Protein backbone atom coordinates (compact mmCIF):
# COMPACT_ATOMS: atom_id res chain seq x y z
CA UNK A 1 0.00 0.00 0.00
CA UNK A 2 1.10 3.55 -0.52
CA UNK A 3 1.95 5.73 1.31
CA UNK A 4 1.53 3.45 4.35
CA UNK A 5 3.81 0.47 4.72
CA UNK A 6 2.19 -2.92 4.46
CA UNK A 7 3.25 -6.55 4.17
CA UNK A 8 6.15 -7.50 1.92
CA UNK A 9 6.44 -10.46 -0.46
CA UNK A 10 9.56 -11.83 -2.10
CA UNK A 11 9.11 -12.02 -5.86
CA UNK A 12 12.44 -13.36 -7.15
CA UNK A 13 14.31 -16.55 -6.40
CA UNK A 14 18.06 -16.23 -6.50
CA UNK A 15 18.08 -12.44 -6.68
CA UNK A 16 16.92 -9.92 -9.20
CA UNK A 17 17.22 -6.30 -10.27
CA UNK A 18 15.38 -3.59 -12.23
CA UNK A 19 11.80 -4.65 -11.32
CA UNK A 20 9.02 -3.40 -13.57
CA UNK A 21 5.23 -3.76 -13.37
CA UNK A 22 3.50 -4.85 -16.57
CA UNK A 23 1.05 -2.24 -17.93
CA UNK A 24 -1.97 -4.27 -16.78
CA UNK A 25 -0.53 -4.72 -13.26
CA UNK A 26 -0.74 -8.51 -13.50
CA UNK A 27 2.99 -9.25 -13.67
CA UNK A 28 6.26 -8.14 -12.19
CA UNK A 29 9.13 -8.38 -14.66
CA UNK A 30 12.76 -8.28 -13.53
CA UNK A 31 16.31 -9.00 -14.54
CA UNK A 32 17.36 -12.30 -13.02
CA UNK A 33 20.72 -14.01 -12.66
CA UNK A 34 22.82 -14.68 -15.77
CA UNK A 35 21.06 -12.13 -17.97
CA UNK A 36 17.62 -13.70 -17.69
CA UNK A 37 14.44 -11.66 -18.01
CA UNK A 38 11.86 -13.13 -15.64
CA UNK A 39 8.11 -12.71 -15.09
CA UNK A 40 6.01 -13.42 -11.99
CA UNK A 41 2.20 -13.42 -12.14
CA UNK A 42 0.57 -11.35 -9.38
CA UNK A 43 -3.00 -11.93 -8.18
CA UNK A 44 -4.98 -10.79 -5.18
CA UNK A 45 -5.66 -7.49 -3.50
CA UNK A 46 -4.56 -5.40 -0.55
CA UNK A 47 -3.11 -7.61 2.18
CA UNK A 48 -3.55 -10.83 0.18
CA UNK A 49 -1.16 -11.44 -2.70
CA UNK A 50 -0.57 -14.68 -4.60
CA UNK A 51 2.64 -14.91 -6.64
CA UNK A 52 3.44 -17.52 -9.29
CA UNK A 53 6.80 -19.19 -9.65
CA UNK A 54 9.21 -17.01 -11.67
CA UNK A 55 9.06 -17.80 -15.40
CA UNK A 56 12.00 -17.30 -17.76
CA UNK A 57 10.94 -15.08 -20.67
CA UNK A 58 14.29 -14.88 -22.46
CA UNK A 59 18.03 -14.44 -21.92
CA UNK A 60 19.65 -11.08 -22.54
CA UNK A 61 23.42 -10.78 -22.33
CA UNK A 62 23.47 -6.98 -22.62
CA UNK A 63 23.34 -4.90 -19.45
CA UNK A 64 20.15 -3.18 -18.41
CA UNK A 65 16.55 -4.06 -18.98
CA UNK A 66 14.75 -3.86 -22.32
CA UNK A 67 11.89 -1.40 -22.65
CA UNK A 68 8.40 -2.88 -22.44
CA UNK A 69 5.83 -1.71 -25.00
CA UNK A 70 2.72 0.02 -23.60
CA UNK A 71 0.57 -2.99 -24.56
CA UNK A 72 2.85 -5.29 -22.54
CA UNK A 73 3.25 -7.64 -25.50
CA UNK A 74 6.68 -6.65 -26.88
CA UNK A 75 10.12 -5.59 -25.69
CA UNK A 76 12.57 -3.23 -27.33
CA UNK A 77 16.23 -3.78 -26.60
CA UNK A 78 19.41 -2.47 -28.11
CA UNK A 79 22.63 -4.38 -28.45
CA UNK A 80 26.08 -3.50 -29.64
CA UNK A 81 27.36 -5.40 -32.64
CA UNK A 82 31.11 -5.90 -32.45
CA UNK A 83 33.14 -4.08 -35.12
CA UNK A 84 30.03 -2.33 -36.45
CA UNK A 85 30.46 1.37 -37.21
CA UNK A 86 28.66 3.60 -34.75
CA UNK A 87 25.77 5.41 -36.39
CA UNK A 88 23.09 7.57 -34.82
CA UNK A 89 19.59 6.16 -34.77
CA UNK A 90 16.16 7.69 -34.45
CA UNK A 91 13.20 5.97 -32.86
CA UNK A 92 9.86 7.56 -33.71
CA UNK A 93 6.81 6.67 -31.64
CA UNK A 94 3.18 7.64 -32.27
CA UNK A 95 3.91 8.76 -35.81
CA UNK A 96 0.68 10.32 -37.12
CA UNK A 97 -1.01 8.46 -39.94
CA UNK A 98 -1.27 10.49 -43.13
CA UNK A 99 -4.62 10.37 -44.98
C-alpha atoms as a PDB file:
ATOM      1  CA  UNK A   1       0.000   0.000   0.000  1.00  0.00           C
ATOM      2  CA  UNK A   2       1.098   3.549  -0.523  1.00  0.00           C
ATOM      3  CA  UNK A   3       1.947   5.729   1.310  1.00  0.00           C
ATOM      4  CA  UNK A   4       1.527   3.448   4.352  1.00  0.00           C
ATOM      5  CA  UNK A   5       3.815   0.474   4.717  1.00  0.00           C
ATOM      6  CA  UNK A   6       2.190  -2.920   4.456  1.00  0.00           C
ATOM      7  CA  UNK A   7       3.252  -6.550   4.165  1.00  0.00           C
ATOM      8  CA  UNK A   8       6.155  -7.498   1.915  1.00  0.00           C
ATOM      9  CA  UNK A   9       6.438 -10.459  -0.461  1.00  0.00           C
ATOM     10  CA  UNK A  10       9.561 -11.829  -2.102  1.00  0.00           C
ATOM     11  CA  UNK A  11       9.109 -12.019  -5.864  1.00  0.00           C
ATOM     12  CA  UNK A  12      12.442 -13.358  -7.149  1.00  0.00           C
ATOM     13  CA  UNK A  13      14.306 -16.545  -6.397  1.00  0.00           C
ATOM     14  CA  UNK A  14      18.065 -16.230  -6.497  1.00  0.00           C
ATOM     15  CA  UNK A  15      18.079 -12.444  -6.678  1.00  0.00           C
ATOM     16  CA  UNK A  16      16.921  -9.917  -9.198  1.00  0.00           C
ATOM     17  CA  UNK A  17      17.217  -6.301 -10.269  1.00  0.00           C
ATOM     18  CA  UNK A  18      15.376  -3.595 -12.232  1.00  0.00           C
ATOM     19  CA  UNK A  19      11.804  -4.652 -11.319  1.00  0.00           C
ATOM     20  CA  UNK A  20       9.019  -3.395 -13.572  1.00  0.00           C
ATOM     21  CA  UNK A  21       5.233  -3.763 -13.371  1.00  0.00           C
ATOM     22  CA  UNK A  22       3.498  -4.851 -16.573  1.00  0.00           C
ATOM     23  CA  UNK A  23       1.051  -2.242 -17.927  1.00  0.00           C
ATOM     24  CA  UNK A  24      -1.970  -4.268 -16.776  1.00  0.00           C
ATOM     25  CA  UNK A  25      -0.530  -4.720 -13.265  1.00  0.00           C
ATOM     26  CA  UNK A  26      -0.743  -8.514 -13.500  1.00  0.00           C
ATOM     27  CA  UNK A  27       2.990  -9.250 -13.671  1.00  0.00           C
ATOM     28  CA  UNK A  28       6.264  -8.138 -12.191  1.00  0.00           C
ATOM     29  CA  UNK A  29       9.131  -8.382 -14.663  1.00  0.00           C
ATOM     30  CA  UNK A  30      12.759  -8.282 -13.530  1.00  0.00           C
ATOM     31  CA  UNK A  31      16.313  -8.997 -14.542  1.00  0.00           C
ATOM     32  CA  UNK A  32      17.364 -12.298 -13.025  1.00  0.00           C
ATOM     33  CA  UNK A  33      20.722 -14.012 -12.661  1.00  0.00           C
ATOM     34  CA  UNK A  34      22.816 -14.677 -15.766  1.00  0.00           C
ATOM     35  CA  UNK A  35      21.065 -12.128 -17.967  1.00  0.00           C
ATOM     36  CA  UNK A  36      17.623 -13.698 -17.686  1.00  0.00           C
ATOM     37  CA  UNK A  37      14.435 -11.656 -18.008  1.00  0.00           C
ATOM     38  CA  UNK A  38      11.860 -13.127 -15.644  1.00  0.00           C
ATOM     39  CA  UNK A  39       8.106 -12.707 -15.090  1.00  0.00           C
ATOM     40  CA  UNK A  40       6.012 -13.415 -11.989  1.00  0.00           C
ATOM     41  CA  UNK A  41       2.198 -13.421 -12.145  1.00  0.00           C
ATOM     42  CA  UNK A  42       0.571 -11.349  -9.379  1.00  0.00           C
ATOM     43  CA  UNK A  43      -3.003 -11.931  -8.182  1.00  0.00           C
ATOM     44  CA  UNK A  44      -4.980 -10.792  -5.177  1.00  0.00           C
ATOM     45  CA  UNK A  45      -5.659  -7.492  -3.504  1.00  0.00           C
ATOM     46  CA  UNK A  46      -4.558  -5.398  -0.549  1.00  0.00           C
ATOM     47  CA  UNK A  47      -3.115  -7.610   2.176  1.00  0.00           C
ATOM     48  CA  UNK A  48      -3.548 -10.829   0.176  1.00  0.00           C
ATOM     49  CA  UNK A  49      -1.158 -11.438  -2.697  1.00  0.00           C
ATOM     50  CA  UNK A  50      -0.568 -14.679  -4.597  1.00  0.00           C
ATOM     51  CA  UNK A  51       2.644 -14.908  -6.643  1.00  0.00           C
ATOM     52  CA  UNK A  52       3.438 -17.518  -9.293  1.00  0.00           C
ATOM     53  CA  UNK A  53       6.801 -19.188  -9.648  1.00  0.00           C
ATOM     54  CA  UNK A  54       9.210 -17.009 -11.673  1.00  0.00           C
ATOM     55  CA  UNK A  55       9.055 -17.798 -15.399  1.00  0.00           C
ATOM     56  CA  UNK A  56      11.999 -17.300 -17.764  1.00  0.00           C
ATOM     57  CA  UNK A  57      10.939 -15.082 -20.674  1.00  0.00           C
ATOM     58  CA  UNK A  58      14.294 -14.884 -22.457  1.00  0.00           C
ATOM     59  CA  UNK A  59      18.029 -14.443 -21.924  1.00  0.00           C
ATOM     60  CA  UNK A  60      19.650 -11.085 -22.540  1.00  0.00           C
ATOM     61  CA  UNK A  61      23.423 -10.777 -22.327  1.00  0.00           C
ATOM     62  CA  UNK A  62      23.466  -6.983 -22.621  1.00  0.00           C
ATOM     63  CA  UNK A  63      23.337  -4.901 -19.455  1.00  0.00           C
ATOM     64  CA  UNK A  64      20.151  -3.182 -18.411  1.00  0.00           C
ATOM     65  CA  UNK A  65      16.552  -4.060 -18.975  1.00  0.00           C
ATOM     66  CA  UNK A  66      14.754  -3.865 -22.317  1.00  0.00           C
ATOM     67  CA  UNK A  67      11.893  -1.402 -22.655  1.00  0.00           C
ATOM     68  CA  UNK A  68       8.401  -2.882 -22.440  1.00  0.00           C
ATOM     69  CA  UNK A  69       5.835  -1.710 -25.004  1.00  0.00           C
ATOM     70  CA  UNK A  70       2.718   0.016 -23.596  1.00  0.00           C
ATOM     71  CA  UNK A  71       0.566  -2.986 -24.558  1.00  0.00           C
ATOM     72  CA  UNK A  72       2.847  -5.286 -22.542  1.00  0.00           C
ATOM     73  CA  UNK A  73       3.254  -7.640 -25.500  1.00  0.00           C
ATOM     74  CA  UNK A  74       6.679  -6.647 -26.883  1.00  0.00           C
ATOM     75  CA  UNK A  75      10.119  -5.590 -25.694  1.00  0.00           C
ATOM     76  CA  UNK A  76      12.570  -3.227 -27.327  1.00  0.00           C
ATOM     77  CA  UNK A  77      16.231  -3.776 -26.601  1.00  0.00           C
ATOM     78  CA  UNK A  78      19.412  -2.466 -28.114  1.00  0.00           C
ATOM     79  CA  UNK A  79      22.626  -4.377 -28.449  1.00  0.00           C
ATOM     80  CA  UNK A  80      26.085  -3.499 -29.640  1.00  0.00           C
ATOM     81  CA  UNK A  81      27.365  -5.404 -32.645  1.00  0.00           C
ATOM     82  CA  UNK A  82      31.113  -5.896 -32.451  1.00  0.00           C
ATOM     83  CA  UNK A  83      33.142  -4.077 -35.124  1.00  0.00           C
ATOM     84  CA  UNK A  84      30.033  -2.325 -36.447  1.00  0.00           C
ATOM     85  CA  UNK A  85      30.463   1.374 -37.212  1.00  0.00           C
ATOM     86  CA  UNK A  86      28.657   3.601 -34.749  1.00  0.00           C
ATOM     87  CA  UNK A  87      25.766   5.413 -36.389  1.00  0.00           C
ATOM     88  CA  UNK A  88      23.086   7.571 -34.815  1.00  0.00           C
ATOM     89  CA  UNK A  89      19.590   6.156 -34.773  1.00  0.00           C
ATOM     90  CA  UNK A  90      16.159   7.691 -34.453  1.00  0.00           C
ATOM     91  CA  UNK A  91      13.197   5.970 -32.855  1.00  0.00           C
ATOM     92  CA  UNK A  92       9.863   7.562 -33.710  1.00  0.00           C
ATOM     93  CA  UNK A  93       6.812   6.675 -31.638  1.00  0.00           C
ATOM     94  CA  UNK A  94       3.184   7.643 -32.267  1.00  0.00           C
ATOM     95  CA  UNK A  95       3.907   8.763 -35.810  1.00  0.00           C
ATOM     96  CA  UNK A  96       0.680  10.319 -37.118  1.00  0.00           C
ATOM     97  CA  UNK A  97      -1.010   8.458 -39.942  1.00  0.00           C
ATOM     98  CA  UNK A  98      -1.270  10.489 -43.133  1.00  0.00           C
ATOM     99  CA  UNK A  99      -4.616  10.367 -44.979  1.00  0.00           C
END
